[in-house]
């Protein structure tokens, strides 16, 4: 399989991975919110097939989480913040939801997927600006309740190429899990989300005939390799910088950037329609 990579594209991917990794460590967010729009822009500029670009960006974003989540889980586990009992209950549903989400994404028109992602990052930006935490009002469900919750987390995460924290952390907090446990457990859930979604997107795109060199289904391997190395290198710098910065002001600035990226994805949807 020929990757046909230019030095310019390698440098652009290195920059993207470095920035998303740093911001993920700095703000405690998944890099997918940044990675998908900018990767969409890069692949569009490289004249990738328009009907594949967003799906490849989402698939590649998910695949990078397979690597970045490991480092995050180790850090949270060292502080005793991961509730593995909760992970075991949610993971089966997450795997099923992630696999189904990839098939839904394949069936969705590019325009619809772009609008869905714009809504996701617009919602995330608003939550970041308001900085509201859901009030704890109930306990974690059991049995089929956790299976269903995991399925929804996996499905939505697979559709937008994110690690699931945008829905799993509020859900667990709402169910009376302390916030540090919710964040640590969400980090552990990122791995099954990423694996299921990545496998789903590979299978969903396997039979397509117009894939560019370096693509494995919807997964773009060169971007995965370069971005993963870069983001894993800079995430720890972001985490260290978080202790020295005014996080409230930084979150407001980042929210504005996310609104801009949401607008770009809506523009991309309009151009594709």
C-alpha atoms as a PDB file:
ATOM      1  CA  UNK A   1       0.000   0.000   0.000  1.00  0.00           C
ATOM      2  CA  UNK A   2       1.525   3.313  -1.110  1.00  0.00           C
ATOM      3  CA  UNK A   3       1.005   6.298   1.186  1.00  0.00           C
ATOM      4  CA  UNK A   4       2.097   8.943  -1.335  1.00  0.00           C
ATOM      5  CA  UNK A   5       2.903  11.481   1.409  1.00  0.00           C
ATOM      6  CA  UNK A   6       4.396  14.879   0.712  1.00  0.00           C
ATOM      7  CA  UNK A   7       6.667  16.586   3.237  1.00  0.00           C
ATOM      8  CA  UNK A   8       4.168  19.429   3.386  1.00  0.00           C
ATOM      9  CA  UNK A   9       1.373  17.088   4.451  1.00  0.00           C
ATOM     10  CA  UNK A  10       3.627  15.414   7.050  1.00  0.00           C
ATOM     11  CA  UNK A  11       4.473  18.797   8.565  1.00  0.00           C
ATOM     12  CA  UNK A  12       0.811  19.833   8.567  1.00  0.00           C
ATOM     13  CA  UNK A  13      -0.173  16.594  10.310  1.00  0.00           C
ATOM     14  CA  UNK A  14       2.644  17.010  12.840  1.00  0.00           C
ATOM     15  CA  UNK A  15       1.423  20.518  13.623  1.00  0.00           C
ATOM     16  CA  UNK A  16      -2.180  19.346  13.932  1.00  0.00           C
ATOM     17  CA  UNK A  17      -1.225  16.450  16.222  1.00  0.00           C
ATOM     18  CA  UNK A  18       0.986  18.662  18.379  1.00  0.00           C
ATOM     19  CA  UNK A  19      -1.683  21.336  18.863  1.00  0.00           C
ATOM     20  CA  UNK A  20      -4.547  18.928  19.521  1.00  0.00           C
ATOM     21  CA  UNK A  21      -2.443  16.915  21.962  1.00  0.00           C
ATOM     22  CA  UNK A  22      -1.364  20.040  23.851  1.00  0.00           C
ATOM     23  CA  UNK A  23      -4.924  21.389  24.077  1.00  0.00           C
ATOM     24  CA  UNK A  24      -6.276  17.985  25.117  1.00  0.00           C
ATOM     25  CA  UNK A  25      -3.800  17.928  28.007  1.00  0.00           C
ATOM     26  CA  UNK A  26      -4.377  21.592  28.830  1.00  0.00           C
ATOM     27  CA  UNK A  27      -8.175  21.580  28.871  1.00  0.00           C
ATOM     28  CA  UNK A  28      -8.911  17.931  29.606  1.00  0.00           C
ATOM     29  CA  UNK A  29     -10.926  17.542  26.399  1.00  0.00           C
ATOM     30  CA  UNK A  30     -10.776  15.061  23.568  1.00  0.00           C
ATOM     31  CA  UNK A  31      -8.780  16.181  20.552  1.00  0.00           C
ATOM     32  CA  UNK A  32     -11.585  15.145  18.180  1.00  0.00           C
ATOM     33  CA  UNK A  33     -13.290  18.525  18.434  1.00  0.00           C
ATOM     34  CA  UNK A  34     -10.241  20.123  16.841  1.00  0.00           C
ATOM     35  CA  UNK A  35      -8.906  17.195  14.861  1.00  0.00           C
ATOM     36  CA  UNK A  36     -11.976  16.441  12.753  1.00  0.00           C
ATOM     37  CA  UNK A  37     -12.502  19.983  11.361  1.00  0.00           C
ATOM     38  CA  UNK A  38      -8.798  20.604  10.680  1.00  0.00           C
ATOM     39  CA  UNK A  39      -8.245  17.137   9.221  1.00  0.00           C
ATOM     40  CA  UNK A  40     -11.307  17.728   7.031  1.00  0.00           C
ATOM     41  CA  UNK A  41      -9.693  20.954   5.844  1.00  0.00           C
ATOM     42  CA  UNK A  42      -6.344  19.265   5.148  1.00  0.00           C
ATOM     43  CA  UNK A  43      -7.821  16.320   3.244  1.00  0.00           C
ATOM     44  CA  UNK A  44     -10.105  18.601   1.254  1.00  0.00           C
ATOM     45  CA  UNK A  45      -7.104  20.731   0.298  1.00  0.00           C
ATOM     46  CA  UNK A  46      -5.326  17.539  -0.853  1.00  0.00           C
ATOM     47  CA  UNK A  47      -8.259  16.818  -3.208  1.00  0.00           C
ATOM     48  CA  UNK A  48      -9.490  13.703  -1.416  1.00  0.00           C
ATOM     49  CA  UNK A  49     -12.934  12.536  -2.632  1.00  0.00           C
ATOM     50  CA  UNK A  50     -15.452  15.003  -1.104  1.00  0.00           C
ATOM     51  CA  UNK A  51     -17.877  12.262  -0.076  1.00  0.00           C
ATOM     52  CA  UNK A  52     -15.136  10.526   1.942  1.00  0.00           C
ATOM     53  CA  UNK A  53     -13.312  13.419   3.613  1.00  0.00           C
ATOM     54  CA  UNK A  54     -15.410  13.916   6.760  1.00  0.00           C
ATOM     55  CA  UNK A  55     -15.867  10.181   7.338  1.00  0.00           C
ATOM     56  CA  UNK A  56     -12.108   9.652   7.027  1.00  0.00           C
ATOM     57  CA  UNK A  57     -11.469  12.542   9.418  1.00  0.00           C
ATOM     58  CA  UNK A  58     -13.871  11.079  12.005  1.00  0.00           C
ATOM     59  CA  UNK A  59     -12.418   7.563  11.646  1.00  0.00           C
ATOM     60  CA  UNK A  60      -8.843   8.800  11.964  1.00  0.00           C
ATOM     61  CA  UNK A  61      -9.709  10.936  14.981  1.00  0.00           C
ATOM     62  CA  UNK A  62     -11.213   7.896  16.712  1.00  0.00           C
ATOM     63  CA  UNK A  63      -8.160   5.766  15.917  1.00  0.00           C
ATOM     64  CA  UNK A  64      -5.780   8.264  17.542  1.00  0.00           C
ATOM     65  CA  UNK A  65      -7.726   7.888  20.793  1.00  0.00           C
ATOM     66  CA  UNK A  66      -6.613   4.236  20.905  1.00  0.00           C
ATOM     67  CA  UNK A  67      -3.108   5.532  21.628  1.00  0.00           C
ATOM     68  CA  UNK A  68      -3.729   8.731  23.589  1.00  0.00           C
ATOM     69  CA  UNK A  69      -6.256   7.105  25.945  1.00  0.00           C
ATOM     70  CA  UNK A  70      -3.634   4.666  27.266  1.00  0.00           C
ATOM     71  CA  UNK A  71      -1.444   7.430  28.664  1.00  0.00           C
ATOM     72  CA  UNK A  72      -4.482   9.190  30.109  1.00  0.00           C
ATOM     73  CA  UNK A  73      -5.769   6.039  31.811  1.00  0.00           C
ATOM     74  CA  UNK A  74      -2.384   5.358  33.408  1.00  0.00           C
ATOM     75  CA  UNK A  75      -2.315   8.862  34.888  1.00  0.00           C
ATOM     76  CA  UNK A  76      -5.845   8.563  36.320  1.00  0.00           C
ATOM     77  CA  UNK A  77      -5.254   5.011  37.566  1.00  0.00           C
ATOM     78  CA  UNK A  78      -2.180   6.191  39.472  1.00  0.00           C
ATOM     79  CA  UNK A  79      -4.515   8.506  41.411  1.00  0.00           C
ATOM     80  CA  UNK A  80      -7.102   5.765  41.976  1.00  0.00           C
ATOM     81  CA  UNK A  81      -9.688   7.661  39.933  1.00  0.00           C
ATOM     82  CA  UNK A  82     -10.828   4.876  37.565  1.00  0.00           C
ATOM     83  CA  UNK A  83     -13.956   2.938  38.554  1.00  0.00           C
ATOM     84  CA  UNK A  84     -13.278  -0.334  36.720  1.00  0.00           C
ATOM     85  CA  UNK A  85     -16.601  -1.785  37.877  1.00  0.00           C
ATOM     86  CA  UNK A  86     -18.376   0.977  35.950  1.00  0.00           C
ATOM     87  CA  UNK A  87     -16.101   0.459  32.936  1.00  0.00           C
ATOM     88  CA  UNK A  88     -17.049  -3.242  32.827  1.00  0.00           C
ATOM     89  CA  UNK A  89     -20.762  -2.417  32.894  1.00  0.00           C
ATOM     90  CA  UNK A  90     -20.630   0.274  30.201  1.00  0.00           C
ATOM     91  CA  UNK A  91     -18.052  -1.262  27.839  1.00  0.00           C
ATOM     92  CA  UNK A  92     -20.276  -3.935  26.194  1.00  0.00           C
ATOM     93  CA  UNK A  93     -22.867  -1.351  25.152  1.00  0.00           C
ATOM     94  CA  UNK A  94     -20.140   1.031  24.050  1.00  0.00           C
ATOM     95  CA  UNK A  95     -18.626  -1.587  21.736  1.00  0.00           C
ATOM     96  CA  UNK A  96     -21.983  -2.382  20.132  1.00  0.00           C
ATOM     97  CA  UNK A  97     -22.886   1.303  19.832  1.00  0.00           C
ATOM     98  CA  UNK A  98     -19.500   2.171  18.328  1.00  0.00           C
ATOM     99  CA  UNK A  99     -19.805  -0.501  15.650  1.00  0.00           C
ATOM    100  CA  UNK A 100     -23.348   0.567  14.775  1.00  0.00           C
ATOM    101  CA  UNK A 101     -22.383   4.250  14.733  1.00  0.00           C
ATOM    102  CA  UNK A 102     -19.798   3.639  12.006  1.00  0.00           C
ATOM    103  CA  UNK A 103     -22.391   1.936   9.823  1.00  0.00           C
ATOM    104  CA  UNK A 104     -24.802   4.828  10.341  1.00  0.00           C
ATOM    105  CA  UNK A 105     -22.032   7.294   9.434  1.00  0.00           C
ATOM    106  CA  UNK A 106     -21.370   5.383   6.213  1.00  0.00           C
ATOM    107  CA  UNK A 107     -25.043   5.606   5.278  1.00  0.00           C
ATOM    108  CA  UNK A 108     -25.365   9.304   6.166  1.00  0.00           C
ATOM    109  CA  UNK A 109     -24.805  11.868   3.413  1.00  0.00           C
ATOM    110  CA  UNK A 110     -21.663  13.929   3.902  1.00  0.00           C
ATOM    111  CA  UNK A 111     -23.789  17.032   4.473  1.00  0.00           C
ATOM    112  CA  UNK A 112     -25.720  15.426   7.322  1.00  0.00           C
ATOM    113  CA  UNK A 113     -22.539  14.210   9.032  1.00  0.00           C
ATOM    114  CA  UNK A 114     -20.973  17.678   8.776  1.00  0.00           C
ATOM    115  CA  UNK A 115     -24.080  19.288  10.301  1.00  0.00           C
ATOM    116  CA  UNK A 116     -24.106  16.698  13.092  1.00  0.00           C
ATOM    117  CA  UNK A 117     -20.469  17.419  13.924  1.00  0.00           C
ATOM    118  CA  UNK A 118     -21.086  21.198  13.824  1.00  0.00           C
ATOM    119  CA  UNK A 119     -23.913  20.713  16.327  1.00  0.00           C
ATOM    120  CA  UNK A 120     -21.627  18.624  18.539  1.00  0.00           C
ATOM    121  CA  UNK A 121     -18.824  21.165  18.771  1.00  0.00           C
ATOM    122  CA  UNK A 122     -21.312  24.032  19.065  1.00  0.00           C
ATOM    123  CA  UNK A 123     -22.887  22.248  22.050  1.00  0.00           C
ATOM    124  CA  UNK A 124     -19.439  21.557  23.530  1.00  0.00           C
ATOM    125  CA  UNK A 125     -18.457  25.223  23.140  1.00  0.00           C
ATOM    126  CA  UNK A 126     -21.622  26.352  24.923  1.00  0.00           C
ATOM    127  CA  UNK A 127     -21.019  23.910  27.775  1.00  0.00           C
ATOM    128  CA  UNK A 128     -17.456  25.207  28.042  1.00  0.00           C
ATOM    129  CA  UNK A 129     -18.634  28.826  28.217  1.00  0.00           C
ATOM    130  CA  UNK A 130     -21.320  28.110  30.811  1.00  0.00           C
ATOM    131  CA  UNK A 131     -19.083  25.662  32.724  1.00  0.00           C
ATOM    132  CA  UNK A 132     -22.168  24.030  34.222  1.00  0.00           C
ATOM    133  CA  UNK A 133     -22.026  20.647  35.936  1.00  0.00           C
ATOM    134  CA  UNK A 134     -25.181  18.523  36.206  1.00  0.00           C
ATOM    135  CA  UNK A 135     -26.520  18.132  39.710  1.00  0.00           C
ATOM    136  CA  UNK A 136     -26.253  14.609  41.102  1.00  0.00           C
ATOM    137  CA  UNK A 137     -29.817  13.324  41.364  1.00  0.00           C
ATOM    138  CA  UNK A 138     -29.786   9.519  41.068  1.00  0.00           C
ATOM    139  CA  UNK A 139     -27.669   6.371  41.150  1.00  0.00           C
ATOM    140  CA  UNK A 140     -26.078   4.466  38.296  1.00  0.00           C
ATOM    141  CA  UNK A 141     -28.573   2.126  36.603  1.00  0.00           C
ATOM    142  CA  UNK A 142     -28.037  -1.620  36.555  1.00  0.00           C
ATOM    143  CA  UNK A 143     -28.142  -4.358  33.914  1.00  0.00           C
ATOM    144  CA  UNK A 144     -29.893  -3.247  30.739  1.00  0.00           C
ATOM    145  CA  UNK A 145     -29.800   0.382  31.888  1.00  0.00           C
ATOM    146  CA  UNK A 146     -25.996   0.445  31.770  1.00  0.00           C
ATOM    147  CA  UNK A 147     -26.033  -1.496  28.500  1.00  0.00           C
ATOM    148  CA  UNK A 148     -28.305   1.129  26.973  1.00  0.00           C
ATOM    149  CA  UNK A 149     -26.279   4.028  28.375  1.00  0.00           C
ATOM    150  CA  UNK A 150     -23.085   2.495  27.010  1.00  0.00           C
ATOM    151  CA  UNK A 151     -24.725   1.940  23.630  1.00  0.00           C
ATOM    152  CA  UNK A 152     -25.730   5.604  23.395  1.00  0.00           C
ATOM    153  CA  UNK A 153     -22.254   6.788  24.447  1.00  0.00           C
ATOM    154  CA  UNK A 154     -20.594   4.512  21.873  1.00  0.00           C
ATOM    155  CA  UNK A 155     -23.022   5.447  19.104  1.00  0.00           C
ATOM    156  CA  UNK A 156     -22.676   9.220  19.503  1.00  0.00           C
ATOM    157  CA  UNK A 157     -18.902   9.037  20.005  1.00  0.00           C
ATOM    158  CA  UNK A 158     -18.494   6.952  16.848  1.00  0.00           C
ATOM    159  CA  UNK A 159     -20.550   9.412  14.807  1.00  0.00           C
ATOM    160  CA  UNK A 160     -18.483  12.454  15.802  1.00  0.00           C
ATOM    161  CA  UNK A 161     -15.040  10.896  16.318  1.00  0.00           C
ATOM    162  CA  UNK A 162     -14.764  11.760  20.010  1.00  0.00           C
ATOM    163  CA  UNK A 163     -13.743   9.872  23.128  1.00  0.00           C
ATOM    164  CA  UNK A 164     -17.155  10.076  24.776  1.00  0.00           C
ATOM    165  CA  UNK A 165     -16.332  12.368  27.702  1.00  0.00           C
ATOM    166  CA  UNK A 166     -18.841  14.946  26.412  1.00  0.00           C
ATOM    167  CA  UNK A 167     -21.651  12.561  27.392  1.00  0.00           C
ATOM    168  CA  UNK A 168     -20.132   9.995  29.789  1.00  0.00           C
ATOM    169  CA  UNK A 169     -18.811  12.527  32.340  1.00  0.00           C
ATOM    170  CA  UNK A 170     -22.166  14.379  32.715  1.00  0.00           C
ATOM    171  CA  UNK A 171     -23.983  11.018  32.860  1.00  0.00           C
ATOM    172  CA  UNK A 172     -21.772   9.630  35.627  1.00  0.00           C
ATOM    173  CA  UNK A 173     -21.804  12.912  37.569  1.00  0.00           C
ATOM    174  CA  UNK A 174     -25.590  12.991  37.337  1.00  0.00           C
ATOM    175  CA  UNK A 175     -25.553   9.469  38.811  1.00  0.00           C
ATOM    176  CA  UNK A 176     -23.666  10.594  41.926  1.00  0.00           C
ATOM    177  CA  UNK A 177     -20.175   9.540  40.845  1.00  0.00           C
ATOM    178  CA  UNK A 178     -17.587  12.045  42.156  1.00  0.00           C
ATOM    179  CA  UNK A 179     -16.225  14.218  39.365  1.00  0.00           C
ATOM    180  CA  UNK A 180     -12.648  12.894  39.621  1.00  0.00           C
ATOM    181  CA  UNK A 181     -13.974   9.339  39.295  1.00  0.00           C
ATOM    182  CA  UNK A 182     -16.209  10.360  36.388  1.00  0.00           C
ATOM    183  CA  UNK A 183     -13.285  11.910  34.516  1.00  0.00           C
ATOM    184  CA  UNK A 184     -10.936   8.993  35.231  1.00  0.00           C
ATOM    185  CA  UNK A 185     -13.541   6.392  34.283  1.00  0.00           C
ATOM    186  CA  UNK A 186     -14.381   8.318  31.107  1.00  0.00           C
ATOM    187  CA  UNK A 187     -10.694   8.194  30.162  1.00  0.00           C
ATOM    188  CA  UNK A 188     -10.752   4.405  30.533  1.00  0.00           C
ATOM    189  CA  UNK A 189     -13.906   4.205  28.411  1.00  0.00           C
ATOM    190  CA  UNK A 190     -12.116   6.085  25.626  1.00  0.00           C
ATOM    191  CA  UNK A 191     -10.220   2.938  24.632  1.00  0.00           C
ATOM    192  CA  UNK A 192     -13.208   0.655  23.882  1.00  0.00           C
ATOM    193  CA  UNK A 193     -14.943   3.598  22.193  1.00  0.00           C
ATOM    194  CA  UNK A 194     -11.928   4.155  19.956  1.00  0.00           C
ATOM    195  CA  UNK A 195     -11.338   0.485  19.148  1.00  0.00           C
ATOM    196  CA  UNK A 196     -14.989  -0.257  18.339  1.00  0.00           C
ATOM    197  CA  UNK A 197     -15.383   2.903  16.269  1.00  0.00           C
ATOM    198  CA  UNK A 198     -12.126   2.350  14.386  1.00  0.00           C
ATOM    199  CA  UNK A 199     -12.985  -1.263  13.550  1.00  0.00           C
ATOM    200  CA  UNK A 200     -16.459  -0.159  12.515  1.00  0.00           C
ATOM    201  CA  UNK A 201     -15.132   2.497  10.123  1.00  0.00           C
ATOM    202  CA  UNK A 202     -12.584   0.087   8.618  1.00  0.00           C
ATOM    203  CA  UNK A 203     -15.318  -2.473   7.959  1.00  0.00           C
ATOM    204  CA  UNK A 204     -17.783   0.159   6.723  1.00  0.00           C
ATOM    205  CA  UNK A 205     -15.340   1.498   4.118  1.00  0.00           C
ATOM    206  CA  UNK A 206     -13.656  -1.788   3.223  1.00  0.00           C
ATOM    207  CA  UNK A 207     -15.586  -2.401  -0.021  1.00  0.00           C
ATOM    208  CA  UNK A 208     -15.236   1.133  -1.418  1.00  0.00           C
ATOM    209  CA  UNK A 209     -13.220   1.402  -4.638  1.00  0.00           C
ATOM    210  CA  UNK A 210     -12.287   5.106  -4.693  1.00  0.00           C
ATOM    211  CA  UNK A 211     -10.199   5.123  -1.515  1.00  0.00           C
ATOM    212  CA  UNK A 212      -6.963   7.174  -1.657  1.00  0.00           C
ATOM    213  CA  UNK A 213      -3.557   5.542  -1.117  1.00  0.00           C
ATOM    214  CA  UNK A 214      -2.912   4.856   2.565  1.00  0.00           C
ATOM    215  CA  UNK A 215      -6.583   4.346   3.445  1.00  0.00           C
ATOM    216  CA  UNK A 216      -7.785   1.256   5.281  1.00  0.00           C
ATOM    217  CA  UNK A 217     -11.538   1.516   4.938  1.00  0.00           C
ATOM    218  CA  UNK A 218     -12.308   5.051   6.131  1.00  0.00           C
ATOM    219  CA  UNK A 219      -9.143   5.111   8.274  1.00  0.00           C
ATOM    220  CA  UNK A 220      -6.284   7.213   6.814  1.00  0.00           C
ATOM    221  CA  UNK A 221      -3.179   5.464   8.158  1.00  0.00           C
ATOM    222  CA  UNK A 222      -0.534   8.158   7.447  1.00  0.00           C
ATOM    223  CA  UNK A 223      -2.517  10.732   9.428  1.00  0.00           C
ATOM    224  CA  UNK A 224      -3.061   8.247  12.256  1.00  0.00           C
ATOM    225  CA  UNK A 225       0.657   7.510  12.581  1.00  0.00           C
ATOM    226  CA  UNK A 226       1.890  11.100  12.422  1.00  0.00           C
ATOM    227  CA  UNK A 227      -0.848  12.654  14.572  1.00  0.00           C
ATOM    228  CA  UNK A 228      -0.616   9.956  17.271  1.00  0.00           C
ATOM    229  CA  UNK A 229       3.129  10.410  17.712  1.00  0.00           C
ATOM    230  CA  UNK A 230       2.828  14.197  17.838  1.00  0.00           C
ATOM    231  CA  UNK A 231      -0.199  14.354  20.156  1.00  0.00           C
ATOM    232  CA  UNK A 232       1.190  11.859  22.661  1.00  0.00           C
ATOM    233  CA  UNK A 233       4.379  13.927  22.853  1.00  0.00           C
ATOM    234  CA  UNK A 234       2.647  17.244  23.607  1.00  0.00           C
ATOM    235  CA  UNK A 235      -0.293  16.145  25.811  1.00  0.00           C
ATOM    236  CA  UNK A 236       1.902  16.037  28.921  1.00  0.00           C
ATOM    237  CA  UNK A 237       3.135  19.589  28.221  1.00  0.00           C
ATOM    238  CA  UNK A 238      -0.449  20.780  28.080  1.00  0.00           C
ATOM    239  CA  UNK A 239      -1.271  19.060  31.364  1.00  0.00           C
ATOM    240  CA  UNK A 240       1.742  20.728  33.011  1.00  0.00           C
ATOM    241  CA  UNK A 241       0.807  24.158  31.599  1.00  0.00           C
ATOM    242  CA  UNK A 242      -2.741  23.843  32.950  1.00  0.00           C
ATOM    243  CA  UNK A 243      -1.458  24.455  36.471  1.00  0.00           C
ATOM    244  CA  UNK A 244       0.073  27.805  35.490  1.00  0.00           C
ATOM    245  CA  UNK A 245      -2.720  29.418  33.450  1.00  0.00           C
ATOM    246  CA  UNK A 246      -6.039  31.200  33.971  1.00  0.00           C
ATOM    247  CA  UNK A 247      -8.294  28.325  32.896  1.00  0.00           C
ATOM    248  CA  UNK A 248     -11.535  30.314  32.921  1.00  0.00           C
ATOM    249  CA  UNK A 249     -10.233  32.812  30.369  1.00  0.00           C
ATOM    250  CA  UNK A 250      -8.606  30.043  28.339  1.00  0.00           C
ATOM    251  CA  UNK A 251     -11.867  28.084  28.152  1.00  0.00           C
ATOM    252  CA  UNK A 252     -13.699  31.178  26.894  1.00  0.00           C
ATOM    253  CA  UNK A 253     -11.120  31.688  24.155  1.00  0.00           C
ATOM    254  CA  UNK A 254     -11.257  28.019  23.191  1.00  0.00           C
ATOM    255  CA  UNK A 255     -15.065  28.129  23.070  1.00  0.00           C
ATOM    256  CA  UNK A 256     -14.859  30.961  20.553  1.00  0.00           C
ATOM    257  CA  UNK A 257     -12.484  28.849  18.433  1.00  0.00           C
ATOM    258  CA  UNK A 258     -14.950  25.944  18.579  1.00  0.00           C
ATOM    259  CA  UNK A 259     -17.779  28.183  17.372  1.00  0.00           C
ATOM    260  CA  UNK A 260     -15.568  29.139  14.445  1.00  0.00           C
ATOM    261  CA  UNK A 261     -14.908  25.477  13.660  1.00  0.00           C
ATOM    262  CA  UNK A 262     -18.637  24.733  13.873  1.00  0.00           C
ATOM    263  CA  UNK A 263     -19.239  27.500  11.347  1.00  0.00           C
ATOM    264  CA  UNK A 264     -16.595  25.981   9.060  1.00  0.00           C
ATOM    265  CA  UNK A 265     -18.249  22.558   9.225  1.00  0.00           C
ATOM    266  CA  UNK A 266     -21.610  24.118   8.370  1.00  0.00           C
ATOM    267  CA  UNK A 267     -19.991  25.911   5.439  1.00  0.00           C
ATOM    268  CA  UNK A 268     -18.446  22.598   4.378  1.00  0.00           C
ATOM    269  CA  UNK A 269     -21.900  20.996   4.555  1.00  0.00           C
ATOM    270  CA  UNK A 270     -23.307  23.768   2.379  1.00  0.00           C
ATOM    271  CA  UNK A 271     -20.517  23.311  -0.171  1.00  0.00           C
ATOM    272  CA  UNK A 272     -21.156  19.550  -0.286  1.00  0.00           C
ATOM    273  CA  UNK A 273     -24.896  19.899  -0.786  1.00  0.00           C
END
